[in-house]
Protein backbone atom coordinates (compact mmCIF):
# COMPACT_ATOMS: atom_id res chain seq x y z
CA MET A 1 5.77 -35.84 -3.31
CA GLY A 2 6.68 -33.27 -5.85
CA GLN A 3 4.60 -29.80 -6.10
CA ASN A 4 3.77 -28.36 -9.44
CA PHE A 5 3.63 -24.67 -9.95
CA THR A 6 2.72 -22.22 -12.17
CA GLN A 7 3.89 -18.79 -12.13
CA ILE A 8 1.84 -15.93 -13.35
CA PRO A 9 3.82 -14.05 -15.78
CA VAL A 10 5.04 -10.28 -14.32
CA GLU A 11 3.67 -8.65 -17.31
CA ASP A 12 0.35 -9.76 -16.30
CA PHE A 13 0.59 -7.73 -13.36
CA ARG A 14 0.18 -4.34 -15.49
CA ILE A 15 -2.97 -2.34 -14.35
CA THR A 16 -4.74 -1.75 -17.21
CA GLU A 17 -7.35 0.28 -16.38
CA GLU A 18 -6.92 3.84 -14.62
CA PRO A 19 -7.69 3.51 -10.64
CA PHE A 20 -9.41 6.58 -9.35
CA TYR A 21 -6.99 8.59 -7.38
CA LEU A 22 -7.19 12.19 -6.47
CA PRO A 23 -3.55 13.94 -6.03
CA ILE A 24 -3.46 15.47 -2.70
CA ALA A 25 -0.25 17.66 -2.95
CA ASP A 26 2.87 16.71 -5.41
CA GLU A 27 3.34 13.43 -4.65
CA VAL A 28 2.85 12.23 -8.46
CA GLU A 29 5.56 14.50 -9.58
CA LEU A 30 7.74 13.17 -6.72
CA PHE A 31 7.23 9.69 -7.67
CA GLU A 32 7.79 10.10 -11.33
CA SER A 33 11.14 11.96 -10.70
CA ALA A 34 12.06 8.81 -8.14
CA TYR A 35 11.14 6.38 -10.95
CA ASN A 36 13.23 8.28 -13.67
CA GLN A 37 16.15 8.70 -11.23
CA HIS A 38 15.98 5.08 -9.97
CA LEU A 39 15.42 6.29 -6.29
CA PRO A 40 13.81 3.93 -4.24
CA VAL A 41 10.68 5.54 -2.52
CA LEU A 42 9.15 5.06 1.31
CA ILE A 43 5.39 6.01 1.74
CA LYS A 44 4.75 6.91 5.35
CA GLY A 45 1.02 7.42 6.33
CA PRO A 46 -1.92 6.20 8.46
CA THR A 47 -4.00 3.18 7.43
CA GLY A 48 -6.56 3.69 4.72
CA CYS A 49 -5.05 7.10 3.81
CA GLY A 50 -4.50 6.17 -0.10
CA LYS A 51 -0.93 4.78 0.12
CA THR A 52 -1.77 1.46 -1.67
CA ARG A 53 -4.01 3.19 -4.32
CA PHE A 54 -1.49 5.96 -5.22
CA VAL A 55 1.11 3.08 -5.82
CA GLU A 56 -1.49 1.46 -7.96
CA TYR A 57 -2.42 4.56 -9.66
CA MET A 58 1.30 5.28 -10.72
CA SER A 59 2.01 2.03 -11.59
CA TRP A 60 -0.71 2.63 -14.52
CA ARG A 61 0.48 6.24 -15.15
CA LEU A 62 4.23 5.13 -15.42
CA HIS A 63 5.30 3.93 -18.88
CA ARG A 64 8.45 2.08 -19.71
CA HIS A 65 10.74 1.64 -22.94
CA VAL A 66 10.55 -1.96 -24.43
CA GLY A 67 12.60 -1.36 -27.85
CA ASP A 68 11.49 0.05 -31.13
CA GLY A 69 10.27 3.38 -29.58
CA ASP A 70 7.28 1.29 -27.88
CA GLU A 71 6.02 1.88 -24.53
CA GLU A 72 3.98 -0.15 -21.74
CA GLY A 73 2.78 0.02 -18.32
CA VAL A 74 5.07 -0.67 -15.59
CA PRO A 75 3.97 -4.02 -13.95
CA LEU A 76 3.23 -3.61 -10.12
CA VAL A 77 3.89 -6.52 -7.79
CA THR A 78 2.81 -6.13 -4.55
CA ILE A 79 3.99 -8.22 -1.22
CA ALA A 80 1.94 -7.88 1.95
CA CYS A 81 4.78 -8.10 4.69
CA HIS A 82 4.39 -10.07 7.99
CA GLU A 83 6.56 -11.24 10.75
CA ASP A 84 7.20 -14.67 9.27
CA LEU A 85 8.24 -13.16 5.96
CA THR A 86 11.43 -14.88 5.11
CA ALA A 87 14.28 -14.27 2.14
CA SER A 88 13.20 -17.04 0.61
CA ASP A 89 9.96 -15.68 0.18
CA LEU A 90 11.15 -12.66 -1.49
CA VAL A 91 14.15 -14.05 -3.86
CA GLY A 92 12.96 -17.87 -4.25
CA ARG A 93 13.69 -21.19 -3.13
CA TYR A 94 14.36 -24.89 -4.34
CA LEU A 95 11.29 -27.18 -4.74
CA LEU A 96 11.15 -30.80 -5.16
CA GLU A 97 9.83 -32.12 -8.16
CA GLY A 98 9.80 -36.03 -8.48
CA GLU A 99 13.56 -36.98 -7.97
CA HIS A 100 14.81 -33.21 -9.06
CA THR A 101 14.87 -29.84 -7.63
CA ARG A 102 13.66 -26.92 -9.34
CA TRP A 103 14.51 -23.12 -8.55
CA ILE A 104 11.33 -20.89 -8.03
CA ASP A 105 12.14 -17.27 -8.41
CA GLY A 106 10.29 -15.42 -5.73
CA PRO A 107 8.12 -12.14 -6.27
CA LEU A 108 11.15 -9.61 -5.36
CA SER A 109 13.57 -11.73 -8.00
CA ARG A 110 11.08 -11.62 -10.53
CA ALA A 111 10.38 -7.95 -10.53
CA VAL A 112 14.29 -7.27 -10.49
CA LYS A 113 14.50 -9.27 -13.38
CA LYS A 114 11.39 -7.94 -15.24
CA GLY A 115 11.53 -4.25 -14.27
CA ALA A 116 8.40 -4.22 -12.52
CA ILE A 117 7.61 -1.82 -9.40
CA CYS A 118 7.97 -3.96 -6.26
CA TYR A 119 5.98 -2.53 -3.54
CA LEU A 120 6.54 -3.95 0.19
CA ASP A 121 3.64 -3.06 1.97
CA GLU A 122 3.74 -2.38 5.50
CA ILE A 123 7.63 -3.17 5.54
CA VAL A 124 7.99 -2.72 9.56
CA GLU A 125 6.19 -6.04 9.92
CA ALA A 126 8.71 -7.77 8.22
CA ARG A 127 11.77 -9.35 10.16
CA LYS A 128 14.70 -7.24 10.29
CA ASP A 129 17.22 -9.93 8.78
CA THR A 130 14.72 -10.14 5.99
CA THR A 131 14.69 -6.11 5.14
CA VAL A 132 18.52 -6.28 5.17
CA LEU A 133 18.51 -8.59 2.09
CA ILE A 134 17.03 -5.03 -0.09
CA HIS A 135 20.22 -3.11 1.09
CA PRO A 136 22.14 -3.75 -1.97
CA LEU A 137 19.12 -3.09 -4.01
CA ALA A 138 18.06 0.38 -2.85
CA ASP A 139 21.15 2.13 -3.40
CA HIS A 140 23.33 3.17 -6.47
CA ARG A 141 24.29 -0.67 -7.07
CA ARG A 142 20.66 -1.97 -7.77
CA LEU A 143 21.58 -5.69 -7.11
CA LEU A 144 19.77 -8.54 -5.38
CA PRO A 145 21.90 -11.23 -3.95
CA ILE A 146 20.57 -14.96 -4.09
CA GLU A 147 22.76 -16.69 -1.98
CA LYS A 148 21.50 -19.97 -2.42
CA ARG A 149 22.27 -19.63 -5.97
CA GLY A 150 25.44 -17.59 -5.59
CA GLU A 151 24.08 -15.02 -7.87
CA LEU A 152 23.56 -11.30 -8.08
CA LEU A 153 20.76 -9.83 -9.94
CA GLN A 154 21.31 -6.63 -11.40
CA ALA A 155 17.88 -4.68 -11.89
CA ALA A 156 16.39 -4.24 -14.89
CA ASP A 157 15.94 -0.69 -16.09
CA GLY A 158 12.62 -0.18 -15.20
CA PHE A 159 12.82 -1.78 -11.74
CA LEU A 160 11.42 0.70 -8.94
CA LEU A 161 11.45 -0.55 -5.09
CA VAL A 162 8.66 1.14 -3.03
CA MET A 163 8.13 0.31 0.52
CA SER A 164 4.92 1.67 2.91
CA PHE A 165 4.39 1.77 6.67
CA ASN A 166 2.11 3.24 9.42
CA PRO A 167 4.57 5.67 11.77
CA GLY A 168 1.51 5.39 14.07
CA TYR A 169 2.56 1.52 14.58
CA GLN A 170 6.14 2.11 15.44
CA SER A 171 7.66 0.73 18.49
CA VAL A 172 11.16 -0.23 19.68
CA LEU A 173 10.48 -3.90 17.97
CA LYS A 174 8.85 -2.68 14.90
CA ASP A 175 10.63 0.10 13.35
CA LEU A 176 12.78 0.71 10.20
CA LYS A 177 16.82 0.31 10.79
CA HIS A 178 18.20 3.59 9.94
CA SER A 179 20.51 1.85 7.63
CA THR A 180 17.08 1.02 5.81
CA ARG A 181 15.92 4.53 5.91
CA GLN A 182 18.55 5.99 4.72
CA ARG A 183 18.32 4.39 1.19
CA PHE A 184 15.19 5.70 0.30
CA ILE A 185 13.47 9.04 -0.47
CA ALA A 186 10.36 9.47 1.80
CA ILE A 187 6.60 10.61 0.74
CA GLU A 188 4.34 11.59 3.74
CA PHE A 189 0.78 10.98 3.33
CA ASP A 190 -2.05 11.97 5.73
CA TYR A 191 -5.77 11.92 5.33
CA PRO A 192 -7.17 14.49 2.88
CA THR A 193 -8.85 17.70 3.59
CA ARG A 194 -12.77 17.51 3.98
CA GLU A 195 -13.11 18.86 0.30
CA GLN A 196 -10.87 16.33 -0.96
CA GLU A 197 -12.07 13.49 1.05
CA SER A 198 -15.61 14.52 -0.14
CA GLU A 199 -14.76 13.92 -3.60
CA ILE A 200 -13.28 10.99 -2.96
CA ILE A 201 -16.19 9.21 -1.11
CA ARG A 202 -18.30 10.26 -3.76
CA MET A 203 -16.15 9.15 -6.78
CA GLU A 204 -15.73 5.68 -5.15
CA SER A 205 -19.07 4.86 -3.97
CA GLY A 206 -21.24 6.66 -6.46
CA CYS A 207 -23.13 8.24 -3.10
CA ALA A 208 -25.21 11.60 -3.38
CA GLU A 209 -23.18 14.72 -2.75
CA GLU A 210 -24.55 15.49 0.64
CA ILE A 211 -23.79 11.81 1.81
CA ALA A 212 -20.25 12.58 0.77
CA ARG A 213 -19.86 15.67 2.60
CA ASP A 214 -21.53 14.48 5.64
CA LEU A 215 -19.30 11.16 5.60
CA ALA A 216 -16.15 13.50 5.08
CA LYS A 217 -17.40 15.84 8.22
CA LEU A 218 -17.57 12.65 10.19
CA GLY A 219 -14.01 11.57 9.33
CA GLU A 220 -12.88 14.84 10.24
CA LYS A 221 -14.53 15.10 13.87
CA VAL A 222 -13.58 11.27 14.68
CA ARG A 223 -10.04 12.10 14.24
CA HIS A 224 -10.08 14.76 16.54
CA LEU A 225 -11.14 11.81 19.22
CA LYS A 226 -7.47 10.53 18.95
CA SER A 227 -6.42 12.89 21.65
CA HIS A 228 -9.15 11.51 23.90
CA GLY A 229 -7.92 7.47 23.71
CA LEU A 230 -8.94 6.77 20.32
CA ALA A 231 -5.95 4.73 18.76
CA GLU A 232 -6.31 5.66 15.25
CA GLY A 233 -8.58 8.01 13.29
CA VAL A 234 -11.19 6.70 10.86
CA SER A 235 -9.59 5.87 7.48
CA THR A 236 -11.13 7.16 4.03
CA ARG A 237 -11.39 3.31 3.15
CA LEU A 238 -13.90 3.28 5.85
CA LEU A 239 -15.88 6.26 4.88
CA VAL A 240 -16.04 4.58 1.57
CA TYR A 241 -17.39 1.43 2.54
CA ALA A 242 -20.12 3.07 4.68
CA ALA A 243 -21.00 5.28 1.52
CA LYS A 244 -21.27 1.97 -0.31
CA LEU A 245 -23.53 0.47 2.35
CA ILE A 246 -25.80 3.73 2.20
CA VAL A 247 -26.13 3.69 -1.64
CA ASP A 248 -27.13 -0.10 -1.48
CA GLY A 249 -30.14 0.97 1.14
CA ILE A 250 -28.81 0.87 4.28
CA HIS A 251 -29.76 3.61 6.92
CA PRO A 252 -26.87 5.99 7.33
CA LEU A 253 -26.71 5.42 11.14
CA ARG A 254 -26.48 1.91 10.80
CA ALA A 255 -24.05 1.91 8.01
CA CYS A 256 -21.75 4.20 10.00
CA LEU A 257 -22.07 1.90 13.04
CA THR A 258 -20.65 -1.00 11.15
CA SER A 259 -18.17 0.56 9.12
CA VAL A 260 -17.08 3.15 11.85
CA VAL A 261 -18.04 2.77 15.44
CA TRP A 262 -17.80 -1.19 15.93
CA THR A 263 -14.84 -1.03 13.70
CA LEU A 264 -12.40 1.59 15.06
CA THR A 265 -12.54 0.20 18.63
CA ASP A 266 -13.95 -2.15 21.36
CA ASP A 267 -13.64 0.00 23.98
CA GLU A 268 -17.55 1.15 24.96
CA GLU A 269 -16.85 4.50 26.15
CA ILE A 270 -15.00 5.65 22.93
CA GLN A 271 -17.82 3.66 20.96
CA GLN A 272 -20.15 5.82 22.55
CA ALA A 273 -18.53 8.89 21.49
CA ILE A 274 -18.24 8.07 18.25
CA ASN A 275 -21.79 7.29 17.93
CA GLU A 276 -22.75 10.59 19.36
CA VAL A 277 -20.80 12.23 16.36
CA VAL A 278 -22.57 9.78 13.88
CA CYS A 279 -25.90 10.89 15.49
CA THR A 280 -25.37 14.74 15.51
CA ILE A 281 -24.30 14.58 11.71
CA PHE A 282 -26.90 11.88 10.50
CA GLU A 283 -29.99 13.04 12.50
CA GLU A 284 -33.21 10.63 11.91
């Protein structure tokens, strides 16, 4: 049996409302310059430090010319990379419809044609033979080869390729090839300072300033436990989750237990160490 697919227009992937984003350094200016100069961007940083939110914010902030002096926001096409991601998943494939076949563009092809930002999230999760596909797209050629159709797509003027990955997850099997790395400029992210993180938590959750400060303090102290066996520090995202539970009436100790302690690790000793930090900050 054939399959009927309806694709959402790329233009519908514009972000119309400003996402909250607190600039930490000069990342906004760097990204804008890269966009203006057609330079692909690699964003590096730990889990939950704001990489995806930053890309969403930049998609909203940037504008492109569409003729007659008009401008519009740049659509954002996000692809969550995984080990089974194939070239066909990115560029497209033929689908059977009745007795005929129809070509369906993949998300990368559509972004290239329409001049959107294509965001490959956690690129090291993708197969290496898949990432090689983007090489001619990430240098001066700005071309996407579609071998099944014998075509070369020239990227539209507004197109920008953005990738992210977490350096903490690097290994021999999961790392970026140097031939891929050296086609991108890199912007490094880290967790914000305590003051910045407190403001982010307050704005994202609507919690009281005192709660936001305490959670930011918790984040800072838990991250120091990385030298004691914790695989990765607590993300800003998890601290926001805890704040939202507290706003909804959950006791701070319980909110931190479910959002931070149990989420970060299954090791009972490390859980106990984190919980002790929580108790010293949120005394009953």
